[in-house]
């Protein structure tokens, strides 16, 4: 089955570069992701993927940082 997705061109370009670094295609990344989220019995795999991503893209919040959901929405609106 084929599907059509719409996304910002910049996002797609970034995703393609990420896929290339992972030695795969954007199509394969999306297919793998859909397989992962489509399987409710695959919690272990999702936890493993989260762990892998956390190790691959580590980071820390600045000292005193507090998560504010409204700030996230404001930032997303500015990016669009």
PDB file of N, CA and C in Angstrom:
ATOM      1  N   UNK A   1       0.844  -1.169   0.000  1.00  0.00           N
ATOM      2  CA  UNK A   1       0.000   0.000   0.000  1.00  0.00           C
ATOM      3  C   UNK A   1       0.892   1.235   0.000  1.00  0.00           C
ATOM      4  N   UNK A   2       0.515   2.211  -0.764  1.00  0.00           N
ATOM      5  CA  UNK A   2       1.235   3.479  -0.801  1.00  0.00           C
ATOM      6  C   UNK A   2       0.457   4.526  -0.030  1.00  0.00           C
ATOM      7  N   UNK A   3       1.195   5.430   0.616  1.00  0.00           N
ATOM      8  CA  UNK A   3       0.570   6.556   1.298  1.00  0.00           C
ATOM      9  C   UNK A   3       1.299   7.820   0.875  1.00  0.00           C
ATOM     10  N   UNK A   4       0.644   8.938   1.027  1.00  0.00           N
ATOM     11  CA  UNK A   4       1.251  10.230   0.726  1.00  0.00           C
ATOM     12  C   UNK A   4       1.293  11.029   2.010  1.00  0.00           C
ATOM     13  N   UNK A   5       2.445  11.576   2.299  1.00  0.00           N
ATOM     14  CA  UNK A   5       2.619  12.405   3.488  1.00  0.00           C
ATOM     15  C   UNK A   5       2.957  13.818   3.049  1.00  0.00           C
ATOM     16  N   UNK A   6       2.557  14.780   3.830  1.00  0.00           N
ATOM     17  CA  UNK A   6       2.981  16.151   3.550  1.00  0.00           C
ATOM     18  C   UNK A   6       3.786  16.632   4.750  1.00  0.00           C
ATOM     19  N   UNK A   7       4.870  17.331   4.441  1.00  0.00           N
ATOM     20  CA  UNK A   7       5.732  17.870   5.484  1.00  0.00           C
ATOM     21  C   UNK A   7       6.520  19.031   4.900  1.00  0.00           C
ATOM     22  N   UNK A   8       7.002  19.858   5.760  1.00  0.00           N
ATOM     23  CA  UNK A   8       7.826  20.986   5.374  1.00  0.00           C
ATOM     24  C   UNK A   8       9.074  20.490   4.635  1.00  0.00           C
ATOM     25  N   UNK A   9       9.455  21.166   3.572  1.00  0.00           N
ATOM     26  CA  UNK A   9      10.604  20.742   2.772  1.00  0.00           C
ATOM     27  C   UNK A   9      11.877  20.659   3.610  1.00  0.00           C
ATOM     28  N   UNK A  10      12.075  21.617   4.498  1.00  0.00           N
ATOM     29  CA  UNK A  10      13.270  21.617   5.346  1.00  0.00           C
ATOM     30  C   UNK A  10      13.292  20.369   6.232  1.00  0.00           C
ATOM     31  N   UNK A  11      12.142  20.008   6.778  1.00  0.00           N
ATOM     32  CA  UNK A  11      12.046  18.818   7.616  1.00  0.00           C
ATOM     33  C   UNK A  11      12.389  17.565   6.824  1.00  0.00           C
ATOM     34  N   UNK A  12      11.875  17.480   5.613  1.00  0.00           N
ATOM     35  CA  UNK A  12      12.158  16.320   4.779  1.00  0.00           C
ATOM     36  C   UNK A  12      13.646  16.239   4.450  1.00  0.00           C
ATOM     37  N   UNK A  13      14.262  17.363   4.130  1.00  0.00           N
ATOM     38  CA  UNK A  13      15.698  17.373   3.832  1.00  0.00           C
ATOM     39  C   UNK A  13      16.504  16.933   5.045  1.00  0.00           C
ATOM     40  N   UNK A  14      16.132  17.408   6.229  1.00  0.00           N
ATOM     41  CA  UNK A  14      16.823  17.003   7.457  1.00  0.00           C
ATOM     42  C   UNK A  14      16.655  15.507   7.687  1.00  0.00           C
ATOM     43  N   UNK A  15      15.454  15.017   7.468  1.00  0.00           N
ATOM     44  CA  UNK A  15      15.194  13.590   7.670  1.00  0.00           C
ATOM     45  C   UNK A  15      15.984  12.741   6.670  1.00  0.00           C
ATOM     46  N   UNK A  16      16.096  13.208   5.446  1.00  0.00           N
ATOM     47  CA  UNK A  16      16.884  12.466   4.454  1.00  0.00           C
ATOM     48  C   UNK A  16      18.358  12.420   4.841  1.00  0.00           C
ATOM     49  N   UNK A  17      18.874  13.538   5.342  1.00  0.00           N
ATOM     50  CA  UNK A  17      20.283  13.546   5.800  1.00  0.00           C
ATOM     51  C   UNK A  17      20.461  12.582   6.977  1.00  0.00           C
ATOM     52  N   UNK A  18      19.502  12.577   7.890  1.00  0.00           N
ATOM     53  CA  UNK A  18      19.562  11.645   9.019  1.00  0.00           C
ATOM     54  C   UNK A  18      19.559  10.204   8.511  1.00  0.00           C
ATOM     55  N   UNK A  19      18.658   9.910   7.579  1.00  0.00           N
ATOM     56  CA  UNK A  19      18.570   8.552   7.026  1.00  0.00           C
ATOM     57  C   UNK A  19      19.885   8.160   6.365  1.00  0.00           C
ATOM     58  N   UNK A  20      20.472   9.088   5.627  1.00  0.00           N
ATOM     59  CA  UNK A  20      21.742   8.801   4.961  1.00  0.00           C
ATOM     60  C   UNK A  20      22.828   8.458   5.989  1.00  0.00           C
ATOM     61  N   UNK A  21      22.864   9.198   7.087  1.00  0.00           N
ATOM     62  CA  UNK A  21      23.848   8.911   8.146  1.00  0.00           C
ATOM     63  C   UNK A  21      23.600   7.539   8.770  1.00  0.00           C
ATOM     64  N   UNK A  22      22.343   7.076   8.721  1.00  0.00           N
ATOM     65  CA  UNK A  22      21.996   5.770   9.275  1.00  0.00           C
ATOM     66  C   UNK A  22      22.114   4.665   8.219  1.00  0.00           C
ATOM     67  N   UNK A  23      22.633   5.033   7.035  1.00  0.00           N
ATOM     68  CA  UNK A  23      22.793   4.088   5.925  1.00  0.00           C
ATOM     69  C   UNK A  23      21.472   3.444   5.512  1.00  0.00           C
ATOM     70  N   UNK A  24      20.451   4.265   5.424  1.00  0.00           N
ATOM     71  CA  UNK A  24      19.147   3.778   5.002  1.00  0.00           C
ATOM     72  C   UNK A  24      18.452   4.871   4.215  1.00  0.00           C
ATOM     73  N   UNK A  25      17.233   4.637   3.835  1.00  0.00           N
ATOM     74  CA  UNK A  25      16.451   5.646   3.105  1.00  0.00           C
ATOM     75  C   UNK A  25      15.379   6.221   4.019  1.00  0.00           C
ATOM     76  N   UNK A  26      14.884   7.374   3.646  1.00  0.00           N
ATOM     77  CA  UNK A  26      13.793   7.975   4.399  1.00  0.00           C
ATOM     78  C   UNK A  26      12.573   7.056   4.359  1.00  0.00           C
ATOM     79  N   UNK A  27      12.316   6.468   3.219  1.00  0.00           N
ATOM     80  CA  UNK A  27      11.210   5.530   3.076  1.00  0.00           C
ATOM     81  C   UNK A  27      11.339   4.379   4.077  1.00  0.00           C
ATOM     82  N   UNK A  28      12.536   3.823   4.189  1.00  0.00           N
ATOM     83  CA  UNK A  28      12.751   2.709   5.119  1.00  0.00           C
ATOM     84  C   UNK A  28      12.612   3.156   6.577  1.00  0.00           C
ATOM     85  N   UNK A  29      13.090   4.362   6.897  1.00  0.00           N
ATOM     86  CA  UNK A  29      12.924   4.876   8.264  1.00  0.00           C
ATOM     87  C   UNK A  29      11.445   4.983   8.622  1.00  0.00           C
ATOM     88  N   UNK A  30      10.663   5.527   7.711  1.00  0.00           N
ATOM     89  CA  UNK A  30       9.233   5.690   7.975  1.00  0.00           C
ATOM     90  C   UNK A  30       8.552   4.330   8.080  1.00  0.00           C
ATOM     91  N   UNK A  31       8.898   3.415   7.190  1.00  0.00           N
ATOM     92  CA  UNK A  31       8.315   2.072   7.235  1.00  0.00           C
ATOM     93  C   UNK A  31       8.630   1.403   8.569  1.00  0.00           C
ATOM     94  N   UNK A  32       9.879   1.479   9.000  1.00  0.00           N
ATOM     95  CA  UNK A  32      10.290   0.873  10.271  1.00  0.00           C
ATOM     96  C   UNK A  32       9.553   1.514  11.436  1.00  0.00           C
ATOM     97  N   UNK A  33       9.425   2.826  11.390  1.00  0.00           N
ATOM     98  CA  UNK A  33       8.717   3.522  12.454  1.00  0.00           C
ATOM     99  C   UNK A  33       7.257   3.076  12.517  1.00  0.00           C
ATOM    100  N   UNK A  34       6.607   2.979  11.366  1.00  0.00           N
ATOM    101  CA  UNK A  34       5.215   2.543  11.338  1.00  0.00           C
ATOM    102  C   UNK A  34       5.063   1.117  11.867  1.00  0.00           C
ATOM    103  N   UNK A  35       6.021   0.263  11.539  1.00  0.00           N
ATOM    104  CA  UNK A  35       5.975  -1.105  12.061  1.00  0.00           C
ATOM    105  C   UNK A  35       6.121  -1.101  13.577  1.00  0.00           C
ATOM    106  N   UNK A  36       6.991  -0.232  14.071  1.00  0.00           N
ATOM    107  CA  UNK A  36       7.220  -0.166  15.513  1.00  0.00           C
ATOM    108  C   UNK A  36       5.987   0.319  16.255  1.00  0.00           C
ATOM    109  N   UNK A  37       5.394   1.401  15.782  1.00  0.00           N
ATOM    110  CA  UNK A  37       4.237   1.936  16.502  1.00  0.00           C
ATOM    111  C   UNK A  37       2.978   1.130  16.228  1.00  0.00           C
ATOM    112  N   UNK A  38       2.969   0.376  15.133  1.00  0.00           N
ATOM    113  CA  UNK A  38       1.803  -0.435  14.795  1.00  0.00           C
ATOM    114  C   UNK A  38       1.679  -1.697  15.618  1.00  0.00           C
ATOM    115  N   UNK A  39       2.724  -2.072  16.310  1.00  0.00           N
ATOM    116  CA  UNK A  39       2.711  -3.292  17.095  1.00  0.00           C
ATOM    117  C   UNK A  39       2.588  -2.945  18.574  1.00  0.00           C
ATOM    118  N   UNK A  40       1.403  -3.129  19.129  1.00  0.00           N
ATOM    119  CA  UNK A  40       1.190  -2.821  20.544  1.00  0.00           C
ATOM    120  C   UNK A  40       2.014  -3.724  21.449  1.00  0.00           C
ATOM    121  N   UNK A  41       2.379  -4.880  20.951  1.00  0.00           N
ATOM    122  CA  UNK A  41       3.159  -5.818  21.761  1.00  0.00           C
ATOM    123  C   UNK A  41       4.653  -5.537  21.683  1.00  0.00           C
ATOM    124  N   UNK A  42       5.025  -4.425  21.100  1.00  0.00           N
ATOM    125  CA  UNK A  42       6.423  -4.140  20.851  1.00  0.00           C
ATOM    126  C   UNK A  42       6.977  -3.084  21.816  1.00  0.00           C
ATOM    127  N   UNK A  43       6.532  -3.086  23.042  1.00  0.00           N
ATOM    128  CA  UNK A  43       6.990  -2.088  24.009  1.00  0.00           C
ATOM    129  C   UNK A  43       8.491  -2.157  24.249  1.00  0.00           C
ATOM    130  N   UNK A  44       9.030  -3.362  24.279  1.00  0.00           N
ATOM    131  CA  UNK A  44      10.470  -3.518  24.502  1.00  0.00           C
ATOM    132  C   UNK A  44      11.274  -2.875  23.392  1.00  0.00           C
ATOM    133  N   UNK A  45      10.827  -3.047  22.164  1.00  0.00           N
ATOM    134  CA  UNK A  45      11.529  -2.449  21.028  1.00  0.00           C
ATOM    135  C   UNK A  45      11.459  -0.922  21.094  1.00  0.00           C
ATOM    136  N   UNK A  46      10.314  -0.397  21.491  1.00  0.00           N
ATOM    137  CA  UNK A  46      10.192   1.061  21.616  1.00  0.00           C
ATOM    138  C   UNK A  46      11.088   1.587  22.724  1.00  0.00           C
ATOM    139  N   UNK A  47      11.168   0.860  23.809  1.00  0.00           N
ATOM    140  CA  UNK A  47      12.061   1.270  24.908  1.00  0.00           C
ATOM    141  C   UNK A  47      13.509   1.216  24.445  1.00  0.00           C
ATOM    142  N   UNK A  48      13.857   0.179  23.690  1.00  0.00           N
ATOM    143  CA  UNK A  48      15.214   0.075  23.162  1.00  0.00           C
ATOM    144  C   UNK A  48      15.530   1.222  22.211  1.00  0.00           C
ATOM    145  N   UNK A  49      14.561   1.582  21.372  1.00  0.00           N
ATOM    146  CA  UNK A  49      14.759   2.692  20.438  1.00  0.00           C
ATOM    147  C   UNK A  49      14.931   4.002  21.189  1.00  0.00           C
ATOM    148  N   UNK A  50      14.136   4.208  22.216  1.00  0.00           N
ATOM    149  CA  UNK A  50      14.288   5.414  23.032  1.00  0.00           C
ATOM    150  C   UNK A  50      15.671   5.462  23.658  1.00  0.00           C
ATOM    151  N   UNK A  51      16.108   4.347  24.200  1.00  0.00           N
ATOM    152  CA  UNK A  51      17.436   4.279  24.815  1.00  0.00           C
ATOM    153  C   UNK A  51      18.524   4.578  23.794  1.00  0.00           C
ATOM    154  N   UNK A  52      18.401   4.008  22.595  1.00  0.00           N
ATOM    155  CA  UNK A  52      19.395   4.239  21.544  1.00  0.00           C
ATOM    156  C   UNK A  52      19.440   5.716  21.168  1.00  0.00           C
ATOM    157  N   UNK A  53      18.271   6.322  20.999  1.00  0.00           N
ATOM    158  CA  UNK A  53      18.221   7.734  20.629  1.00  0.00           C
ATOM    159  C   UNK A  53      18.763   8.623  21.746  1.00  0.00           C
ATOM    160  N   UNK A  54      18.460   8.274  22.981  1.00  0.00           N
ATOM    161  CA  UNK A  54      18.959   9.061  24.111  1.00  0.00           C
ATOM    162  C   UNK A  54      20.483   9.010  24.181  1.00  0.00           C
ATOM    163  N   UNK A  55      21.053   7.868  23.855  1.00  0.00           N
ATOM    164  CA  UNK A  55      22.517   7.743  23.849  1.00  0.00           C
ATOM    165  C   UNK A  55      23.122   8.446  22.643  1.00  0.00           C
ATOM    166  N   UNK A  56      22.422   8.399  21.516  1.00  0.00           N
ATOM    167  CA  UNK A  56      22.937   8.987  20.284  1.00  0.00           C
ATOM    168  C   UNK A  56      22.847  10.515  20.313  1.00  0.00           C
ATOM    169  N   UNK A  57      21.812  11.037  20.954  1.00  0.00           N
ATOM    170  CA  UNK A  57      21.593  12.480  20.996  1.00  0.00           C
ATOM    171  C   UNK A  57      21.480  12.960  22.443  1.00  0.00           C
ATOM    172  N   UNK A  58      22.544  12.779  23.218  1.00  0.00           N
ATOM    173  CA  UNK A  58      22.462  13.182  24.614  1.00  0.00           C
ATOM    174  C   UNK A  58      22.400  14.704  24.747  1.00  0.00           C
ATOM    175  N   UNK A  59      21.911  15.133  25.838  1.00  0.00           N
ATOM    176  CA  UNK A  59      21.857  16.570  26.081  1.00  0.00           C
ATOM    177  C   UNK A  59      21.365  16.841  27.486  1.00  0.00           C
ATOM    178  N   UNK A  60      21.556  18.041  27.886  1.00  0.00           N
ATOM    179  CA  UNK A  60      21.094  18.462  29.207  1.00  0.00           C
ATOM    180  C   UNK A  60      20.407  19.796  29.079  1.00  0.00           C
ATOM    181  N   UNK A  61      19.446  19.993  29.924  1.00  0.00           N
ATOM    182  CA  UNK A  61      18.783  21.286  29.984  1.00  0.00           C
ATOM    183  C   UNK A  61      19.635  22.227  30.813  1.00  0.00           C
ATOM    184  N   UNK A  62      19.558  23.514  30.517  1.00  0.00           N
ATOM    185  CA  UNK A  62      20.307  24.478  31.320  1.00  0.00           C
ATOM    186  C   UNK A  62      19.865  24.406  32.781  1.00  0.00           C
ATOM    187  N   UNK A  63      20.776  24.723  33.670  1.00  0.00           N
ATOM    188  CA  UNK A  63      20.447  24.699  35.089  1.00  0.00           C
ATOM    189  C   UNK A  63      19.281  25.641  35.368  1.00  0.00           C
ATOM    190  N   UNK A  64      18.334  25.173  36.132  1.00  0.00           N
ATOM    191  CA  UNK A  64      17.160  25.963  36.465  1.00  0.00           C
ATOM    192  C   UNK A  64      16.038  25.867  35.435  1.00  0.00           C
ATOM    193  N   UNK A  65      16.267  25.128  34.357  1.00  0.00           N
ATOM    194  CA  UNK A  65      15.238  24.984  33.317  1.00  0.00           C
ATOM    195  C   UNK A  65      14.030  24.254  33.867  1.00  0.00           C
ATOM    196  N   UNK A  66      12.872  24.765  33.528  1.00  0.00           N
ATOM    197  CA  UNK A  66      11.628  24.100  33.891  1.00  0.00           C
ATOM    198  C   UNK A  66      10.805  23.961  32.621  1.00  0.00           C
ATOM    199  N   UNK A  67      10.313  22.768  32.387  1.00  0.00           N
ATOM    200  CA  UNK A  67       9.492  22.499  31.218  1.00  0.00           C
ATOM    201  C   UNK A  67       8.179  23.247  31.341  1.00  0.00           C
ATOM    202  N   UNK A  68       7.807  23.946  30.295  1.00  0.00           N
ATOM    203  CA  UNK A  68       6.549  24.668  30.264  1.00  0.00           C
ATOM    204  C   UNK A  68       5.871  24.358  28.933  1.00  0.00           C
ATOM    205  N   UNK A  69       4.791  23.632  28.990  1.00  0.00           N
ATOM    206  CA  UNK A  69       4.099  23.191  27.778  1.00  0.00           C
ATOM    207  C   UNK A  69       3.707  24.387  26.893  1.00  0.00           C
ATOM    208  N   UNK A  70       3.293  25.501  27.490  1.00  0.00           N
ATOM    209  CA  UNK A  70       2.917  26.676  26.699  1.00  0.00           C
ATOM    210  C   UNK A  70       4.099  27.212  25.905  1.00  0.00           C
ATOM    211  N   UNK A  71       5.295  27.190  26.490  1.00  0.00           N
ATOM    212  CA  UNK A  71       6.493  27.634  25.769  1.00  0.00           C
ATOM    213  C   UNK A  71       6.750  26.777  24.541  1.00  0.00           C
ATOM    214  N   UNK A  72       6.513  25.487  24.654  1.00  0.00           N
ATOM    215  CA  UNK A  72       6.716  24.585  23.517  1.00  0.00           C
ATOM    216  C   UNK A  72       5.758  24.956  22.393  1.00  0.00           C
ATOM    217  N   UNK A  73       4.496  25.168  22.700  1.00  0.00           N
ATOM    218  CA  UNK A  73       3.522  25.527  21.670  1.00  0.00           C
ATOM    219  C   UNK A  73       3.873  26.870  21.036  1.00  0.00           C
ATOM    220  N   UNK A  74       4.315  27.835  21.852  1.00  0.00           N
ATOM    221  CA  UNK A  74       4.722  29.131  21.309  1.00  0.00           C
ATOM    222  C   UNK A  74       5.888  28.967  20.349  1.00  0.00           C
ATOM    223  N   UNK A  75       6.858  28.144  20.709  1.00  0.00           N
ATOM    224  CA  UNK A  75       8.031  27.916  19.871  1.00  0.00           C
ATOM    225  C   UNK A  75       7.629  27.244  18.562  1.00  0.00           C
ATOM    226  N   UNK A  76       6.722  26.274  18.626  1.00  0.00           N
ATOM    227  CA  UNK A  76       6.265  25.588  17.416  1.00  0.00           C
ATOM    228  C   UNK A  76       5.550  26.550  16.475  1.00  0.00           C
ATOM    229  N   UNK A  77       4.754  27.459  17.019  1.00  0.00           N
ATOM    230  CA  UNK A  77       4.047  28.419  16.193  1.00  0.00           C
ATOM    231  C   UNK A  77       5.026  29.346  15.498  1.00  0.00           C
ATOM    232  N   UNK A  78       6.104  29.746  16.176  1.00  0.00           N
ATOM    233  CA  UNK A  78       7.105  30.634  15.583  1.00  0.00           C
ATOM    234  C   UNK A  78       7.854  29.942  14.454  1.00  0.00           C
ATOM    235  N   UNK A  79       8.069  28.635  14.564  1.00  0.00           N
ATOM    236  CA  UNK A  79       8.811  27.890  13.546  1.00  0.00           C
ATOM    237  C   UNK A  79       7.992  27.693  12.292  1.00  0.00           C
ATOM    238  N   UNK A  80       6.684  27.744  12.385  1.00  0.00           N
ATOM    239  CA  UNK A  80       5.817  27.493  11.219  1.00  0.00           C
ATOM    240  C   UNK A  80       5.619  28.716  10.461  1.00  0.00           C
TER     241      UNK A  80
END
